[in-house]
Amino acid sequence: MIVTDLGRMAFDEAWRVQEQAVAERLAGGPDRLFLVEHDPVITLGRHGGRENLLVAPASLAGRGVALAEASRGGNITCHFPGQVVAYPIFKIAPARGGLRGLFADLEAVVIATLAGYGVSGERQPGRPGVFVAGRKIASIGLAVKKYVTSHGLALNVGRDLAVFSLITPCGLQGVAPTSLWLEMPAAAAHYPTESDLIHDVKRTLVASFASVFGQKAELA
C-alpha cells in the first residue's frame, strides 16, 4: 500500500489523481492510499442529495464553497480544511466480504483511529459511517470500477464544522456532526493547534489502515 499525502487540494483535482491511480491499479499496479484536506466543497453522490442542500446553489460561491457532483454512492456531504479525507484505491477482496466487507473495514479503520485519542466510535445499523454518542464524526462513500475502489472516508478533526450548516448531512434528519477535536478529552492540552492534531491523525489513520487491511504502508 503506497501512501501519499496530497496536502490541501481542490476536490476536482483530487478526483483526477484518483482516476489515474485507478487506471494504474487496473493495469496491475499497487494499492494506493491518498490523504488530503479539501478546499470547502459540498458534494452530491450518485443517489442525488440536492434536496438536502439548505441554501440556494447560487449563493455557495459567495460563501467560498464549491458544489460538485461525485461518482461515489450515497447522498450529500461536505469537505473542508480540518477534515482528513482518505481515498483508498484498493482491489476489493471477496475473501474479506466484498464491497460490504470493505465498508465494515473502513468503519473499523475510523473506530481504531478514534480509540487512539480516547474517543469511542460506533456503528449505526443501516447508516454507513462512524458516530460518537449519536453524533456523526465520519462519512464513507465509495465508487467501484472493475473491483477497484475510489473515494473513501472523511473524518472530521477540527472544531469548525460550519459548512455542515448548509446541508442535511447524508440526508440524515436530526443527526448532528461532531469532530475529534470536540470529542477528544483535553484536546488543547495535548495539541497546541489543529494542524498538529491533523498531522498526527494522518499518521494514526495510516497505521489503522495497515492494521485493518494487513498491509505494509510505504510512503510515496
N, C-alpha and C. Protein backbone atom coordinates (compact mmCIF):
# COMPACT_ATOMS: atom_id res chain seq x y z
N MET A 1 0.85 -1.19 0.00
CA MET A 1 0.00 0.00 0.00
C MET A 1 0.89 1.24 0.00
N ILE A 2 0.87 1.99 -1.10
CA ILE A 2 1.67 3.20 -1.20
C ILE A 2 0.83 4.37 -0.71
N VAL A 3 1.35 5.11 0.25
CA VAL A 3 0.61 6.20 0.89
C VAL A 3 1.15 7.54 0.40
N THR A 4 0.24 8.42 -0.03
CA THR A 4 0.62 9.75 -0.49
C THR A 4 -0.22 10.79 0.22
N ASP A 5 0.43 11.76 0.85
CA ASP A 5 -0.25 12.89 1.47
C ASP A 5 -0.30 14.01 0.44
N LEU A 6 -1.51 14.32 -0.03
CA LEU A 6 -1.70 15.35 -1.06
C LEU A 6 -1.76 16.75 -0.48
N GLY A 7 -1.72 16.86 0.86
CA GLY A 7 -1.82 18.18 1.47
C GLY A 7 -3.24 18.73 1.33
N ARG A 8 -3.34 19.99 0.94
CA ARG A 8 -4.66 20.60 0.69
C ARG A 8 -4.87 20.73 -0.81
N MET A 9 -6.03 20.29 -1.27
CA MET A 9 -6.26 20.22 -2.71
C MET A 9 -7.75 20.35 -3.00
N ALA A 10 -8.08 20.96 -4.12
CA ALA A 10 -9.47 21.06 -4.55
C ALA A 10 -10.02 19.65 -4.84
N PHE A 11 -11.32 19.48 -4.63
CA PHE A 11 -11.96 18.17 -4.80
C PHE A 11 -11.77 17.64 -6.21
N ASP A 12 -12.00 18.47 -7.22
CA ASP A 12 -11.91 18.00 -8.61
C ASP A 12 -10.49 17.57 -8.95
N GLU A 13 -9.49 18.29 -8.43
CA GLU A 13 -8.11 17.93 -8.71
C GLU A 13 -7.77 16.59 -8.07
N ALA A 14 -8.25 16.37 -6.84
CA ALA A 14 -8.01 15.10 -6.18
C ALA A 14 -8.69 13.96 -6.92
N TRP A 15 -9.84 14.23 -7.52
CA TRP A 15 -10.52 13.18 -8.28
C TRP A 15 -9.69 12.76 -9.50
N ARG A 16 -9.04 13.73 -10.14
CA ARG A 16 -8.18 13.38 -11.28
C ARG A 16 -7.00 12.51 -10.83
N VAL A 17 -6.46 12.79 -9.66
CA VAL A 17 -5.39 11.96 -9.11
C VAL A 17 -5.90 10.53 -8.89
N GLN A 18 -7.12 10.42 -8.34
CA GLN A 18 -7.70 9.10 -8.10
C GLN A 18 -7.93 8.33 -9.40
N GLU A 19 -8.46 9.03 -10.41
CA GLU A 19 -8.71 8.36 -11.69
C GLU A 19 -7.44 7.74 -12.26
N GLN A 20 -6.34 8.49 -12.18
CA GLN A 20 -5.07 7.97 -12.68
C GLN A 20 -4.63 6.75 -11.88
N ALA A 21 -4.80 6.83 -10.55
CA ALA A 21 -4.40 5.71 -9.69
C ALA A 21 -5.26 4.48 -9.94
N VAL A 22 -6.56 4.68 -10.21
CA VAL A 22 -7.44 3.55 -10.53
C VAL A 22 -6.97 2.87 -11.82
N ALA A 23 -6.64 3.68 -12.83
CA ALA A 23 -6.16 3.11 -14.10
C ALA A 23 -4.88 2.30 -13.88
N GLU A 24 -3.99 2.82 -13.03
CA GLU A 24 -2.75 2.10 -12.76
C GLU A 24 -3.02 0.80 -11.99
N ARG A 25 -3.98 0.85 -11.05
CA ARG A 25 -4.31 -0.37 -10.29
C ARG A 25 -4.92 -1.42 -11.19
N LEU A 26 -5.78 -1.00 -12.12
CA LEU A 26 -6.40 -1.94 -13.06
C LEU A 26 -5.36 -2.57 -13.98
N ALA A 27 -4.26 -1.85 -14.20
CA ALA A 27 -3.19 -2.36 -15.05
C ALA A 27 -2.19 -3.21 -14.27
N GLY A 28 -2.50 -3.47 -12.99
CA GLY A 28 -1.64 -4.33 -12.20
C GLY A 28 -0.76 -3.60 -11.20
N GLY A 29 -0.99 -2.32 -11.03
CA GLY A 29 -0.21 -1.54 -10.07
C GLY A 29 -0.61 -1.84 -8.64
N PRO A 30 0.04 -1.18 -7.67
CA PRO A 30 -0.20 -1.47 -6.25
C PRO A 30 -1.44 -0.75 -5.73
N ASP A 31 -1.92 -1.21 -4.59
CA ASP A 31 -2.93 -0.45 -3.85
C ASP A 31 -2.32 0.88 -3.45
N ARG A 32 -3.16 1.93 -3.47
CA ARG A 32 -2.71 3.27 -3.09
C ARG A 32 -3.65 3.82 -2.03
N LEU A 33 -3.12 4.69 -1.19
CA LEU A 33 -3.92 5.40 -0.20
C LEU A 33 -3.53 6.86 -0.25
N PHE A 34 -4.50 7.73 -0.55
CA PHE A 34 -4.26 9.16 -0.60
C PHE A 34 -4.91 9.83 0.61
N LEU A 35 -4.19 10.74 1.24
CA LEU A 35 -4.72 11.55 2.33
C LEU A 35 -4.75 13.00 1.86
N VAL A 36 -5.82 13.71 2.22
CA VAL A 36 -5.98 15.07 1.71
C VAL A 36 -6.93 15.87 2.60
N GLU A 37 -6.72 17.18 2.64
CA GLU A 37 -7.72 18.11 3.13
C GLU A 37 -8.22 18.89 1.91
N HIS A 38 -9.53 19.05 1.81
CA HIS A 38 -10.08 19.73 0.64
C HIS A 38 -10.42 21.19 0.94
N ASP A 39 -10.33 22.00 -0.11
CA ASP A 39 -10.94 23.32 -0.05
C ASP A 39 -12.44 23.11 0.19
N PRO A 40 -13.13 24.10 0.81
CA PRO A 40 -14.55 23.89 1.13
C PRO A 40 -15.38 23.50 -0.10
N VAL A 41 -16.10 22.39 0.00
CA VAL A 41 -16.89 21.89 -1.11
C VAL A 41 -18.05 21.06 -0.57
N ILE A 42 -19.18 21.16 -1.23
CA ILE A 42 -20.32 20.28 -0.99
C ILE A 42 -20.41 19.34 -2.18
N THR A 43 -20.51 18.04 -1.90
CA THR A 43 -20.55 17.07 -2.98
C THR A 43 -21.86 16.29 -2.95
N LEU A 44 -22.35 15.99 -4.14
CA LEU A 44 -23.56 15.20 -4.32
C LEU A 44 -23.17 13.81 -4.82
N GLY A 45 -23.75 12.77 -4.24
CA GLY A 45 -23.45 11.41 -4.64
C GLY A 45 -24.31 10.95 -5.80
N ARG A 46 -24.11 9.72 -6.22
CA ARG A 46 -24.89 9.17 -7.33
C ARG A 46 -26.37 9.11 -7.00
N HIS A 47 -26.71 9.04 -5.72
CA HIS A 47 -28.11 8.99 -5.31
C HIS A 47 -28.72 10.38 -5.13
N GLY A 48 -27.98 11.40 -5.57
CA GLY A 48 -28.50 12.76 -5.50
C GLY A 48 -28.10 13.47 -4.22
N GLY A 49 -29.05 14.22 -3.69
CA GLY A 49 -28.78 14.96 -2.47
C GLY A 49 -29.05 16.44 -2.58
N ARG A 50 -29.37 16.90 -3.80
CA ARG A 50 -29.62 18.33 -3.97
C ARG A 50 -30.80 18.79 -3.11
N GLU A 51 -31.72 17.87 -2.82
CA GLU A 51 -32.86 18.22 -1.96
C GLU A 51 -32.42 18.46 -0.51
N ASN A 52 -31.22 18.05 -0.18
CA ASN A 52 -30.71 18.24 1.18
C ASN A 52 -29.70 19.39 1.26
N LEU A 53 -29.63 20.19 0.21
CA LEU A 53 -28.87 21.42 0.23
C LEU A 53 -29.78 22.51 0.77
N LEU A 54 -29.39 23.15 1.87
CA LEU A 54 -30.28 24.05 2.60
C LEU A 54 -30.19 25.50 2.17
N VAL A 55 -29.33 25.81 1.19
CA VAL A 55 -29.22 27.17 0.67
C VAL A 55 -29.27 27.10 -0.85
N ALA A 56 -29.50 28.23 -1.48
CA ALA A 56 -29.54 28.27 -2.94
C ALA A 56 -28.15 27.97 -3.50
N PRO A 57 -28.05 27.09 -4.50
CA PRO A 57 -26.74 26.77 -5.06
C PRO A 57 -25.96 28.01 -5.51
N ALA A 58 -26.70 29.01 -6.01
CA ALA A 58 -26.03 30.21 -6.50
C ALA A 58 -25.34 31.00 -5.39
N SER A 59 -25.73 30.76 -4.14
CA SER A 59 -25.14 31.51 -3.03
C SER A 59 -23.84 30.89 -2.52
N LEU A 60 -23.52 29.69 -2.95
CA LEU A 60 -22.38 28.99 -2.39
C LEU A 60 -21.06 29.66 -2.72
N ALA A 61 -20.91 30.12 -3.97
CA ALA A 61 -19.64 30.74 -4.36
C ALA A 61 -19.32 31.94 -3.48
N GLY A 62 -20.35 32.72 -3.15
CA GLY A 62 -20.14 33.88 -2.29
C GLY A 62 -19.72 33.50 -0.88
N ARG A 63 -19.99 32.27 -0.49
CA ARG A 63 -19.58 31.77 0.82
C ARG A 63 -18.22 31.06 0.76
N GLY A 64 -17.63 31.01 -0.43
CA GLY A 64 -16.35 30.34 -0.59
C GLY A 64 -16.45 28.84 -0.62
N VAL A 65 -17.62 28.31 -1.01
CA VAL A 65 -17.87 26.87 -1.03
C VAL A 65 -18.21 26.43 -2.45
N ALA A 66 -17.53 25.42 -2.95
CA ALA A 66 -17.84 24.88 -4.28
C ALA A 66 -18.94 23.83 -4.16
N LEU A 67 -19.53 23.49 -5.31
CA LEU A 67 -20.53 22.42 -5.39
C LEU A 67 -20.08 21.47 -6.49
N ALA A 68 -20.03 20.18 -6.18
CA ALA A 68 -19.52 19.20 -7.14
C ALA A 68 -20.38 17.95 -7.12
N GLU A 69 -20.51 17.32 -8.28
CA GLU A 69 -21.14 16.01 -8.38
C GLU A 69 -20.05 14.96 -8.35
N ALA A 70 -20.23 13.94 -7.52
CA ALA A 70 -19.22 12.91 -7.35
C ALA A 70 -19.74 11.58 -7.88
N SER A 71 -18.83 10.70 -8.24
CA SER A 71 -19.21 9.39 -8.76
C SER A 71 -19.42 8.37 -7.66
N ARG A 72 -19.22 8.77 -6.41
CA ARG A 72 -19.41 7.84 -5.29
C ARG A 72 -20.89 7.57 -5.05
N GLY A 73 -21.17 6.53 -4.28
CA GLY A 73 -22.53 6.30 -3.83
C GLY A 73 -22.89 7.25 -2.71
N GLY A 74 -24.10 7.16 -2.24
CA GLY A 74 -24.52 7.98 -1.12
C GLY A 74 -25.15 9.29 -1.52
N ASN A 75 -25.39 10.13 -0.52
CA ASN A 75 -26.13 11.37 -0.66
C ASN A 75 -25.18 12.55 -0.56
N ILE A 76 -25.65 13.65 -0.03
CA ILE A 76 -24.87 14.88 0.05
C ILE A 76 -23.91 14.84 1.24
N THR A 77 -22.73 15.41 1.06
CA THR A 77 -21.82 15.60 2.19
C THR A 77 -20.95 16.81 1.88
N CYS A 78 -20.00 17.10 2.76
CA CYS A 78 -19.14 18.25 2.53
C CYS A 78 -17.72 17.93 2.98
N HIS A 79 -16.77 18.65 2.42
CA HIS A 79 -15.36 18.55 2.79
C HIS A 79 -14.82 19.95 3.01
N PHE A 80 -13.79 20.06 3.84
CA PHE A 80 -13.29 21.38 4.23
C PHE A 80 -11.96 21.21 4.96
N PRO A 81 -11.17 22.26 5.06
CA PRO A 81 -9.94 22.18 5.84
C PRO A 81 -10.28 21.84 7.30
N GLY A 82 -9.50 20.94 7.88
CA GLY A 82 -9.82 20.46 9.22
C GLY A 82 -10.51 19.11 9.21
N GLN A 83 -10.82 18.63 8.02
CA GLN A 83 -11.37 17.28 7.85
C GLN A 83 -10.32 16.47 7.08
N VAL A 84 -9.96 15.31 7.59
CA VAL A 84 -8.99 14.45 6.90
C VAL A 84 -9.75 13.45 6.05
N VAL A 85 -9.47 13.47 4.75
CA VAL A 85 -10.12 12.56 3.80
C VAL A 85 -9.11 11.50 3.37
N ALA A 86 -9.52 10.26 3.37
CA ALA A 86 -8.67 9.15 2.95
C ALA A 86 -9.30 8.47 1.74
N TYR A 87 -8.55 8.38 0.65
CA TYR A 87 -9.02 7.75 -0.57
C TYR A 87 -8.24 6.46 -0.81
N PRO A 88 -8.81 5.30 -0.51
CA PRO A 88 -8.14 4.03 -0.79
C PRO A 88 -8.43 3.57 -2.22
N ILE A 89 -7.39 3.37 -2.98
CA ILE A 89 -7.52 2.80 -4.33
C ILE A 89 -7.13 1.33 -4.18
N PHE A 90 -8.10 0.53 -3.78
CA PHE A 90 -7.87 -0.86 -3.39
C PHE A 90 -8.62 -1.80 -4.33
N LYS A 91 -8.08 -2.98 -4.50
CA LYS A 91 -8.80 -4.07 -5.18
C LYS A 91 -9.68 -4.76 -4.13
N ILE A 92 -10.98 -4.84 -4.40
CA ILE A 92 -11.91 -5.47 -3.46
C ILE A 92 -11.58 -6.96 -3.33
N ALA A 93 -11.51 -7.42 -2.09
CA ALA A 93 -11.17 -8.81 -1.81
C ALA A 93 -12.43 -9.59 -1.46
N PRO A 94 -12.87 -10.52 -2.31
CA PRO A 94 -14.07 -11.33 -1.98
C PRO A 94 -13.93 -12.05 -0.65
N ALA A 95 -12.70 -12.46 -0.30
CA ALA A 95 -12.49 -13.19 0.94
C ALA A 95 -12.75 -12.32 2.17
N ARG A 96 -12.74 -11.00 1.98
CA ARG A 96 -13.00 -10.08 3.10
C ARG A 96 -14.44 -9.57 3.09
N GLY A 97 -15.30 -10.23 2.30
CA GLY A 97 -16.71 -9.85 2.30
C GLY A 97 -17.12 -8.91 1.19
N GLY A 98 -16.25 -8.73 0.18
CA GLY A 98 -16.61 -7.89 -0.95
C GLY A 98 -16.80 -6.44 -0.55
N LEU A 99 -17.73 -5.78 -1.24
CA LEU A 99 -17.94 -4.35 -1.00
C LEU A 99 -18.50 -4.10 0.39
N ARG A 100 -19.41 -4.93 0.84
CA ARG A 100 -19.97 -4.77 2.19
C ARG A 100 -18.86 -4.91 3.25
N GLY A 101 -17.98 -5.87 3.00
CA GLY A 101 -16.87 -6.05 3.93
C GLY A 101 -15.92 -4.87 3.92
N LEU A 102 -15.75 -4.24 2.75
CA LEU A 102 -14.88 -3.07 2.66
C LEU A 102 -15.44 -1.91 3.47
N PHE A 103 -16.75 -1.71 3.39
CA PHE A 103 -17.37 -0.66 4.21
C PHE A 103 -17.10 -0.92 5.69
N ALA A 104 -17.28 -2.16 6.10
CA ALA A 104 -17.04 -2.50 7.51
C ALA A 104 -15.58 -2.28 7.88
N ASP A 105 -14.66 -2.60 6.97
CA ASP A 105 -13.25 -2.39 7.25
C ASP A 105 -12.93 -0.90 7.38
N LEU A 106 -13.52 -0.07 6.53
CA LEU A 106 -13.28 1.37 6.62
C LEU A 106 -13.83 1.93 7.93
N GLU A 107 -14.99 1.46 8.33
CA GLU A 107 -15.51 1.86 9.64
C GLU A 107 -14.56 1.42 10.75
N ALA A 108 -14.01 0.23 10.62
CA ALA A 108 -13.07 -0.27 11.63
C ALA A 108 -11.81 0.59 11.68
N VAL A 109 -11.36 1.08 10.53
CA VAL A 109 -10.21 1.98 10.48
C VAL A 109 -10.49 3.24 11.30
N VAL A 110 -11.66 3.83 11.08
CA VAL A 110 -12.01 5.05 11.81
C VAL A 110 -12.13 4.77 13.31
N ILE A 111 -12.82 3.69 13.66
CA ILE A 111 -13.01 3.36 15.08
C ILE A 111 -11.67 3.15 15.77
N ALA A 112 -10.75 2.46 15.10
CA ALA A 112 -9.41 2.25 15.67
C ALA A 112 -8.66 3.56 15.80
N THR A 113 -8.81 4.43 14.83
CA THR A 113 -8.14 5.73 14.88
C THR A 113 -8.66 6.56 16.05
N LEU A 114 -9.98 6.61 16.20
CA LEU A 114 -10.58 7.38 17.29
C LEU A 114 -10.15 6.83 18.65
N ALA A 115 -10.06 5.51 18.75
CA ALA A 115 -9.69 4.89 20.03
C ALA A 115 -8.32 5.35 20.49
N GLY A 116 -7.44 5.66 19.52
CA GLY A 116 -6.11 6.13 19.86
C GLY A 116 -6.11 7.49 20.54
N TYR A 117 -7.24 8.18 20.47
CA TYR A 117 -7.37 9.51 21.09
C TYR A 117 -8.39 9.51 22.22
N GLY A 118 -8.75 8.32 22.68
CA GLY A 118 -9.68 8.22 23.80
C GLY A 118 -11.12 8.47 23.45
N VAL A 119 -11.47 8.32 22.17
CA VAL A 119 -12.84 8.56 21.71
C VAL A 119 -13.44 7.23 21.25
N SER A 120 -14.66 6.94 21.70
CA SER A 120 -15.32 5.69 21.37
C SER A 120 -16.24 5.87 20.16
N GLY A 121 -15.82 5.35 19.01
CA GLY A 121 -16.64 5.41 17.81
C GLY A 121 -17.56 4.21 17.73
N GLU A 122 -18.68 4.39 17.05
CA GLU A 122 -19.68 3.31 16.97
C GLU A 122 -20.33 3.29 15.60
N ARG A 123 -20.81 2.11 15.23
CA ARG A 123 -21.59 1.96 14.01
C ARG A 123 -23.07 2.13 14.34
N GLN A 124 -23.86 2.53 13.33
CA GLN A 124 -25.31 2.53 13.45
C GLN A 124 -25.87 1.71 12.29
N PRO A 125 -26.66 0.66 12.57
CA PRO A 125 -27.18 -0.20 11.51
C PRO A 125 -27.88 0.60 10.42
N GLY A 126 -27.53 0.31 9.17
CA GLY A 126 -28.17 0.95 8.04
C GLY A 126 -27.66 2.34 7.73
N ARG A 127 -26.67 2.82 8.49
CA ARG A 127 -26.12 4.16 8.28
C ARG A 127 -24.61 4.06 8.14
N PRO A 128 -24.09 4.01 6.92
CA PRO A 128 -22.63 3.92 6.75
C PRO A 128 -21.94 5.11 7.41
N GLY A 129 -20.81 4.86 8.02
CA GLY A 129 -20.07 5.91 8.70
C GLY A 129 -19.84 5.55 10.15
N VAL A 130 -19.29 6.51 10.89
CA VAL A 130 -18.99 6.29 12.30
C VAL A 130 -19.57 7.43 13.12
N PHE A 131 -20.09 7.08 14.30
CA PHE A 131 -20.78 8.03 15.16
C PHE A 131 -20.13 8.02 16.55
N VAL A 132 -20.30 9.12 17.26
CA VAL A 132 -19.87 9.23 18.66
C VAL A 132 -21.08 9.70 19.45
N ALA A 133 -21.63 8.84 20.27
CA ALA A 133 -22.82 9.17 21.06
C ALA A 133 -23.94 9.74 20.18
N GLY A 134 -24.11 9.14 19.00
CA GLY A 134 -25.18 9.56 18.09
C GLY A 134 -24.81 10.70 17.15
N ARG A 135 -23.66 11.34 17.37
CA ARG A 135 -23.21 12.42 16.50
C ARG A 135 -22.26 11.85 15.44
N LYS A 136 -22.41 12.32 14.20
CA LYS A 136 -21.63 11.72 13.11
C LYS A 136 -20.26 12.37 13.00
N ILE A 137 -19.23 11.54 13.07
CA ILE A 137 -17.86 12.04 13.03
C ILE A 137 -17.14 11.67 11.73
N ALA A 138 -17.65 10.68 11.02
CA ALA A 138 -17.00 10.25 9.79
C ALA A 138 -18.03 9.73 8.80
N SER A 139 -17.82 10.05 7.53
CA SER A 139 -18.69 9.59 6.44
C SER A 139 -17.90 8.68 5.52
N ILE A 140 -18.61 7.77 4.87
CA ILE A 140 -17.98 6.84 3.93
C ILE A 140 -18.82 6.80 2.66
N GLY A 141 -18.15 6.92 1.52
CA GLY A 141 -18.80 6.80 0.22
C GLY A 141 -17.80 6.28 -0.79
N LEU A 142 -18.18 5.31 -1.58
CA LEU A 142 -17.24 4.66 -2.49
C LEU A 142 -17.77 4.62 -3.92
N ALA A 143 -16.84 4.58 -4.84
CA ALA A 143 -17.12 4.22 -6.23
C ALA A 143 -16.29 2.99 -6.54
N VAL A 144 -16.78 2.16 -7.44
CA VAL A 144 -16.07 0.93 -7.79
C VAL A 144 -16.03 0.78 -9.31
N LYS A 145 -14.85 0.51 -9.83
CA LYS A 145 -14.67 0.24 -11.26
C LYS A 145 -13.90 -1.06 -11.41
N LYS A 146 -14.56 -2.08 -11.92
CA LYS A 146 -13.93 -3.39 -12.13
C LYS A 146 -13.23 -3.85 -10.85
N TYR A 147 -13.94 -3.73 -9.74
CA TYR A 147 -13.49 -4.20 -8.43
C TYR A 147 -12.39 -3.33 -7.80
N VAL A 148 -12.10 -2.18 -8.38
CA VAL A 148 -11.14 -1.26 -7.79
C VAL A 148 -11.90 -0.04 -7.26
N THR A 149 -11.61 0.32 -6.02
CA THR A 149 -12.36 1.38 -5.36
C THR A 149 -11.72 2.75 -5.56
N SER A 150 -12.56 3.77 -5.40
CA SER A 150 -12.09 5.15 -5.28
C SER A 150 -13.03 5.86 -4.31
N HIS A 151 -12.77 7.14 -4.08
CA HIS A 151 -13.41 7.88 -2.98
C HIS A 151 -13.08 7.15 -1.68
N GLY A 152 -13.83 7.31 -0.60
CA GLY A 152 -13.42 6.67 0.64
C GLY A 152 -14.08 7.23 1.86
N LEU A 153 -13.26 7.69 2.83
CA LEU A 153 -13.82 8.15 4.10
C LEU A 153 -13.36 9.57 4.40
N ALA A 154 -14.20 10.27 5.17
CA ALA A 154 -13.89 11.63 5.60
C ALA A 154 -14.09 11.71 7.11
N LEU A 155 -13.02 12.04 7.83
CA LEU A 155 -13.04 12.11 9.29
C LEU A 155 -12.92 13.56 9.73
N ASN A 156 -13.95 14.04 10.45
CA ASN A 156 -13.92 15.41 10.96
C ASN A 156 -12.93 15.50 12.12
N VAL A 157 -11.96 16.38 12.00
CA VAL A 157 -10.92 16.51 13.02
C VAL A 157 -10.98 17.85 13.73
N GLY A 158 -11.05 18.96 12.99
CA GLY A 158 -11.02 20.29 13.58
C GLY A 158 -12.33 20.71 14.20
N ARG A 159 -12.31 21.90 14.81
CA ARG A 159 -13.50 22.35 15.55
C ARG A 159 -14.53 23.07 14.68
N ASP A 160 -14.11 23.60 13.52
CA ASP A 160 -15.01 24.40 12.69
C ASP A 160 -15.80 23.48 11.76
N LEU A 161 -17.08 23.31 12.07
CA LEU A 161 -17.97 22.45 11.27
C LEU A 161 -19.05 23.27 10.58
N ALA A 162 -18.76 24.55 10.32
CA ALA A 162 -19.78 25.47 9.82
C ALA A 162 -20.37 25.04 8.48
N VAL A 163 -19.57 24.39 7.63
CA VAL A 163 -20.08 24.01 6.31
C VAL A 163 -21.26 23.05 6.44
N PHE A 164 -21.29 22.26 7.51
CA PHE A 164 -22.40 21.33 7.70
C PHE A 164 -23.73 22.05 7.86
N SER A 165 -23.71 23.32 8.26
CA SER A 165 -24.97 24.05 8.44
C SER A 165 -25.67 24.32 7.11
N LEU A 166 -24.97 24.09 6.00
CA LEU A 166 -25.53 24.34 4.67
C LEU A 166 -26.25 23.13 4.10
N ILE A 167 -26.15 21.98 4.78
CA ILE A 167 -26.73 20.75 4.25
C ILE A 167 -27.38 19.93 5.37
N THR A 168 -28.17 18.96 4.96
CA THR A 168 -28.58 17.88 5.86
C THR A 168 -27.63 16.73 5.58
N PRO A 169 -26.59 16.54 6.41
CA PRO A 169 -25.52 15.61 6.07
C PRO A 169 -26.03 14.21 5.76
N CYS A 170 -25.66 13.73 4.57
CA CYS A 170 -26.02 12.38 4.12
C CYS A 170 -27.54 12.18 4.07
N GLY A 171 -28.30 13.28 4.15
CA GLY A 171 -29.75 13.19 4.16
C GLY A 171 -30.33 12.65 5.44
N LEU A 172 -29.55 12.63 6.52
CA LEU A 172 -29.99 12.07 7.80
C LEU A 172 -30.56 13.19 8.68
N GLN A 173 -31.88 13.23 8.79
CA GLN A 173 -32.52 14.24 9.61
C GLN A 173 -32.18 14.04 11.09
N GLY A 174 -31.89 15.15 11.75
CA GLY A 174 -31.70 15.09 13.20
C GLY A 174 -30.36 14.56 13.66
N VAL A 175 -29.43 14.33 12.73
CA VAL A 175 -28.10 13.83 13.11
C VAL A 175 -27.12 15.01 13.07
N ALA A 176 -26.52 15.31 14.20
CA ALA A 176 -25.58 16.43 14.30
C ALA A 176 -24.16 15.95 13.99
N PRO A 177 -23.37 16.79 13.33
CA PRO A 177 -21.97 16.44 13.11
C PRO A 177 -21.13 16.73 14.35
N THR A 178 -20.02 16.05 14.45
CA THR A 178 -19.05 16.33 15.50
C THR A 178 -17.66 16.09 14.94
N SER A 179 -16.64 16.32 15.76
CA SER A 179 -15.27 16.15 15.30
C SER A 179 -14.40 15.59 16.41
N LEU A 180 -13.23 15.13 16.05
CA LEU A 180 -12.29 14.60 17.04
C LEU A 180 -11.89 15.68 18.04
N TRP A 181 -11.63 16.88 17.56
CA TRP A 181 -11.24 17.98 18.46
C TRP A 181 -12.32 18.21 19.52
N LEU A 182 -13.58 18.15 19.10
CA LEU A 182 -14.68 18.42 20.03
C LEU A 182 -14.92 17.26 20.99
N GLU A 183 -14.58 16.05 20.59
CA GLU A 183 -14.88 14.87 21.40
C GLU A 183 -13.68 14.38 22.22
N MET A 184 -12.50 14.74 21.82
CA MET A 184 -11.31 14.20 22.47
C MET A 184 -11.10 14.83 23.84
N PRO A 185 -10.84 14.06 24.85
CA PRO A 185 -10.59 14.62 26.17
C PRO A 185 -9.35 15.51 26.18
N ALA A 186 -9.51 16.71 26.72
CA ALA A 186 -8.38 17.64 26.90
C ALA A 186 -7.56 17.81 25.62
N ALA A 187 -8.25 18.03 24.49
CA ALA A 187 -7.56 18.11 23.20
C ALA A 187 -6.51 19.20 23.19
N ALA A 188 -6.87 20.39 23.63
CA ALA A 188 -5.96 21.52 23.52
C ALA A 188 -4.70 21.32 24.36
N ALA A 189 -4.79 20.57 25.44
CA ALA A 189 -3.63 20.37 26.31
C ALA A 189 -2.57 19.53 25.62
N HIS A 190 -2.97 18.66 24.70
CA HIS A 190 -2.02 17.75 24.04
C HIS A 190 -1.57 18.27 22.68
N TYR A 191 -2.41 19.04 22.02
CA TYR A 191 -2.11 19.52 20.67
C TYR A 191 -2.30 21.04 20.64
N PRO A 192 -1.22 21.80 20.55
CA PRO A 192 -1.33 23.27 20.59
C PRO A 192 -2.23 23.84 19.50
N THR A 193 -2.24 23.22 18.31
CA THR A 193 -3.05 23.70 17.21
C THR A 193 -3.76 22.54 16.54
N GLU A 194 -4.79 22.87 15.76
CA GLU A 194 -5.48 21.84 14.99
C GLU A 194 -4.54 21.20 13.97
N SER A 195 -3.62 21.98 13.41
CA SER A 195 -2.68 21.44 12.44
C SER A 195 -1.84 20.33 13.05
N ASP A 196 -1.45 20.51 14.31
CA ASP A 196 -0.68 19.46 14.98
C ASP A 196 -1.51 18.18 15.10
N LEU A 197 -2.79 18.35 15.46
CA LEU A 197 -3.66 17.18 15.59
C LEU A 197 -3.88 16.52 14.25
N ILE A 198 -4.13 17.31 13.22
CA ILE A 198 -4.37 16.75 11.88
C ILE A 198 -3.16 15.95 11.41
N HIS A 199 -1.97 16.49 11.62
CA HIS A 199 -0.75 15.78 11.24
C HIS A 199 -0.68 14.43 11.95
N ASP A 200 -1.01 14.42 13.22
CA ASP A 200 -0.96 13.18 13.99
C ASP A 200 -2.05 12.20 13.56
N VAL A 201 -3.24 12.73 13.25
CA VAL A 201 -4.35 11.87 12.81
C VAL A 201 -3.99 11.16 11.51
N LYS A 202 -3.34 11.86 10.60
CA LYS A 202 -2.94 11.22 9.35
C LYS A 202 -2.02 10.03 9.63
N ARG A 203 -1.08 10.22 10.53
CA ARG A 203 -0.18 9.13 10.90
C ARG A 203 -0.96 7.96 11.50
N THR A 204 -1.91 8.28 12.39
CA THR A 204 -2.69 7.23 13.04
C THR A 204 -3.60 6.52 12.04
N LEU A 205 -4.19 7.26 11.12
CA LEU A 205 -5.03 6.66 10.08
C LEU A 205 -4.25 5.65 9.25
N VAL A 206 -3.05 6.02 8.84
CA VAL A 206 -2.24 5.11 8.03
C VAL A 206 -1.95 3.83 8.81
N ALA A 207 -1.60 3.98 10.08
CA ALA A 207 -1.35 2.80 10.91
C ALA A 207 -2.60 1.94 11.04
N SER A 208 -3.76 2.57 11.16
CA SER A 208 -5.02 1.82 11.27
C SER A 208 -5.34 1.10 9.97
N PHE A 209 -5.13 1.76 8.83
CA PHE A 209 -5.33 1.09 7.53
C PHE A 209 -4.43 -0.13 7.43
N ALA A 210 -3.15 0.04 7.77
CA ALA A 210 -2.20 -1.07 7.67
C ALA A 210 -2.63 -2.23 8.56
N SER A 211 -3.11 -1.91 9.76
CA SER A 211 -3.51 -2.97 10.69
C SER A 211 -4.78 -3.67 10.23
N VAL A 212 -5.80 -2.90 9.87
CA VAL A 212 -7.09 -3.50 9.49
C VAL A 212 -6.97 -4.31 8.20
N PHE A 213 -6.22 -3.78 7.22
CA PHE A 213 -6.14 -4.45 5.92
C PHE A 213 -4.95 -5.39 5.81
N GLY A 214 -4.12 -5.45 6.86
CA GLY A 214 -2.99 -6.36 6.85
C GLY A 214 -1.98 -6.04 5.76
N GLN A 215 -1.75 -4.74 5.52
CA GLN A 215 -0.82 -4.31 4.50
C GLN A 215 0.32 -3.49 5.11
N LYS A 216 1.46 -3.54 4.50
CA LYS A 216 2.57 -2.68 4.88
C LYS A 216 2.42 -1.35 4.16
N ALA A 217 2.53 -0.26 4.92
CA ALA A 217 2.39 1.08 4.34
C ALA A 217 3.75 1.61 3.92
N GLU A 218 3.85 2.05 2.67
CA GLU A 218 5.07 2.67 2.15
C GLU A 218 4.74 4.10 1.75
N LEU A 219 5.49 5.05 2.30
CA LEU A 219 5.23 6.46 2.00
C LEU A 219 5.81 6.82 0.64
N ALA A 220 5.00 7.49 -0.19
CA ALA A 220 5.46 7.90 -1.53
C ALA A 220 6.38 9.10 -1.41
